[in-house]
């Protein structure tokens, strides 16, 4: 249910109480369609969930291997559907990398600095798309990286 913003928390009651205070003033409720979808997924979605977990694992390995093969380093993610590779060996800042890649290769990604100062020298790439689109993006990113890697 990627993007539906449905979830739950299991934690110490003290933490739940603090989370509830924040939640009650920032969120009215999840949309009814998302609630119905979540209920259906909980009741009947295990087969589909296992299929999607396997598919995201396939995409994760595809993008991770592609990024590493072009000379960038990257920690292997264990959750979500993003990778956060280092672009430090290109000599470009995160902002420069993202901007120049978008203009020259038409690939959009997020500069690491969007997540704070510690994100400088990194980019965030999503693999929540088709294998074909990931492969095409990797080809374009590699084309770009070849021109900038030191």
Protein backbone atom coordinates (compact mmCIF):
# COMPACT_ATOMS: atom_id res chain seq x y z
CA UNK A 1 0.00 0.00 0.00
CA UNK A 2 2.88 2.31 -0.87
CA UNK A 3 1.92 5.95 -0.52
CA UNK A 4 -1.39 5.34 1.24
CA UNK A 5 -0.02 6.58 4.58
CA UNK A 6 -1.59 3.83 6.64
CA UNK A 7 0.28 2.30 9.51
CA UNK A 8 0.27 1.39 13.15
CA UNK A 9 2.64 1.68 16.08
CA UNK A 10 3.48 -0.79 18.78
CA UNK A 11 5.50 0.76 21.61
CA UNK A 12 5.83 1.44 25.30
CA UNK A 13 2.61 3.14 26.55
CA UNK A 14 4.59 6.27 27.44
CA UNK A 15 5.73 6.64 23.84
CA UNK A 16 2.24 5.93 22.49
CA UNK A 17 0.81 8.67 24.73
CA UNK A 18 3.37 11.17 23.41
CA UNK A 19 2.73 10.08 19.81
CA UNK A 20 -1.02 10.43 20.34
CA UNK A 21 -0.60 14.05 21.47
CA UNK A 22 1.20 14.88 18.25
CA UNK A 23 -1.09 12.81 16.05
CA UNK A 24 -4.38 14.21 17.35
CA UNK A 25 -3.40 17.74 16.35
CA UNK A 26 -1.72 17.00 13.04
CA UNK A 27 -3.96 14.38 11.47
CA UNK A 28 -7.73 14.07 11.47
CA UNK A 29 -7.85 10.51 10.18
CA UNK A 30 -6.76 8.39 7.28
CA UNK A 31 -9.10 8.65 4.26
CA UNK A 32 -11.88 6.07 4.28
CA UNK A 33 -10.67 4.50 1.02
CA UNK A 34 -7.23 3.93 2.59
CA UNK A 35 -8.85 2.46 5.71
CA UNK A 36 -10.94 0.04 3.64
CA UNK A 37 -7.90 -0.87 1.55
CA UNK A 38 -5.83 -1.49 4.68
CA UNK A 39 -8.53 -3.70 6.16
CA UNK A 40 -8.73 -5.72 2.94
CA UNK A 41 -4.92 -6.02 2.84
CA UNK A 42 -4.83 -7.26 6.44
CA UNK A 43 -7.59 -9.81 5.78
CA UNK A 44 -6.56 -11.13 2.35
CA UNK A 45 -3.28 -9.57 1.27
CA UNK A 46 -0.56 -11.93 2.48
CA UNK A 47 -0.07 -13.59 -0.91
CA UNK A 48 0.16 -10.20 -2.65
CA UNK A 49 2.41 -8.80 0.08
CA UNK A 50 4.89 -11.65 -0.31
CA UNK A 51 4.90 -11.12 -4.08
CA UNK A 52 5.60 -7.39 -3.67
CA UNK A 53 8.32 -7.98 -1.06
CA UNK A 54 10.07 -10.26 -3.57
CA UNK A 55 9.60 -7.71 -6.34
CA UNK A 56 11.00 -4.85 -4.26
CA UNK A 57 13.93 -7.06 -3.29
CA UNK A 58 14.59 -7.65 -7.00
CA UNK A 59 14.45 -3.90 -7.69
CA UNK A 60 16.67 -3.16 -4.67
CA UNK A 61 19.38 -5.48 -5.94
CA UNK A 62 19.08 -4.13 -9.48
CA UNK A 63 19.59 -0.51 -8.44
CA UNK A 64 22.19 -1.27 -5.78
CA UNK A 65 24.30 -3.35 -8.18
CA UNK A 66 23.92 -0.73 -10.90
CA UNK A 67 25.00 2.10 -8.60
CA UNK A 68 27.99 0.14 -7.31
CA UNK A 69 29.03 -1.00 -10.81
CA UNK A 70 29.29 2.63 -11.96
CA UNK A 71 31.79 3.37 -9.21
CA UNK A 72 29.59 4.86 -6.51
CA UNK A 73 29.49 3.42 -3.01
CA UNK A 74 26.22 2.63 -1.28
CA UNK A 75 25.07 0.98 1.92
CA UNK A 76 22.59 -1.83 1.23
CA UNK A 77 19.19 -0.71 2.48
CA UNK A 78 17.16 -3.16 4.54
CA UNK A 79 13.81 -1.36 4.41
CA UNK A 80 11.76 1.17 2.45
CA UNK A 81 12.41 1.58 -1.27
CA UNK A 82 15.22 4.10 -1.40
CA UNK A 83 18.99 3.93 -1.69
CA UNK A 84 21.33 6.66 -0.49
CA UNK A 85 24.56 6.38 -2.52
CA UNK A 86 27.63 8.52 -1.99
CA UNK A 87 28.53 10.80 -4.89
CA UNK A 88 31.60 12.24 -3.18
CA UNK A 89 33.98 10.81 -5.79
CA UNK A 90 32.34 12.98 -8.47
CA UNK A 91 33.48 16.22 -6.85
CA UNK A 92 29.96 17.61 -7.13
CA UNK A 93 27.78 18.71 -4.24
CA UNK A 94 24.50 16.89 -3.75
CA UNK A 95 22.60 19.86 -5.16
CA UNK A 96 24.90 20.19 -8.19
CA UNK A 97 24.70 16.47 -8.91
CA UNK A 98 20.90 16.40 -8.78
CA UNK A 99 20.51 19.58 -10.86
CA UNK A 100 23.04 18.63 -13.55
CA UNK A 101 21.73 15.06 -13.78
CA UNK A 102 18.19 16.34 -14.26
CA UNK A 103 19.22 18.82 -16.95
CA UNK A 104 21.57 16.54 -18.88
CA UNK A 105 20.03 13.08 -18.48
CA UNK A 106 16.44 13.86 -17.46
CA UNK A 107 16.67 11.76 -14.28
CA UNK A 108 15.17 13.18 -11.09
CA UNK A 109 16.48 12.25 -7.67
CA UNK A 110 16.75 14.00 -4.33
CA UNK A 111 19.96 15.65 -3.13
CA UNK A 112 21.09 14.27 0.22
CA UNK A 113 21.00 17.75 1.72
CA UNK A 114 17.20 17.58 1.66
CA UNK A 115 17.66 15.42 4.76
CA UNK A 116 20.03 17.76 6.57
CA UNK A 117 23.67 18.80 6.47
CA UNK A 118 24.85 15.23 7.00
CA UNK A 119 23.30 14.33 3.65
CA UNK A 120 25.88 16.35 1.72
CA UNK A 121 27.77 14.11 -0.67
CA UNK A 122 24.82 11.73 -1.07
CA UNK A 123 21.70 11.40 -3.22
CA UNK A 124 18.45 9.56 -2.59
CA UNK A 125 17.05 7.36 -5.34
CA UNK A 126 13.70 5.60 -5.23
CA UNK A 127 13.16 2.16 -6.69
CA UNK A 128 9.38 2.25 -6.35
CA UNK A 129 8.93 2.02 -10.10
CA UNK A 130 9.22 -0.58 -12.84
CA UNK A 131 12.36 -2.57 -13.53
CA UNK A 132 12.45 -1.05 -17.03
CA UNK A 133 12.44 2.50 -15.64
CA UNK A 134 15.10 1.63 -13.07
CA UNK A 135 17.30 0.13 -15.79
CA UNK A 136 16.86 3.18 -18.00
CA UNK A 137 17.61 5.55 -15.12
CA UNK A 138 20.73 3.56 -14.21
CA UNK A 139 21.97 3.80 -17.78
CA UNK A 140 21.47 7.57 -17.79
CA UNK A 141 23.04 8.03 -14.34
CA UNK A 142 26.04 5.95 -15.40
CA UNK A 143 26.42 8.10 -18.50
CA UNK A 144 26.48 11.16 -16.26
CA UNK A 145 28.77 9.67 -13.61
CA UNK A 146 31.36 8.63 -16.23
CA UNK A 147 31.81 12.32 -17.08
CA UNK A 148 32.25 13.40 -13.45
CA UNK A 149 33.87 10.58 -11.48
CA UNK A 150 37.40 11.27 -10.30
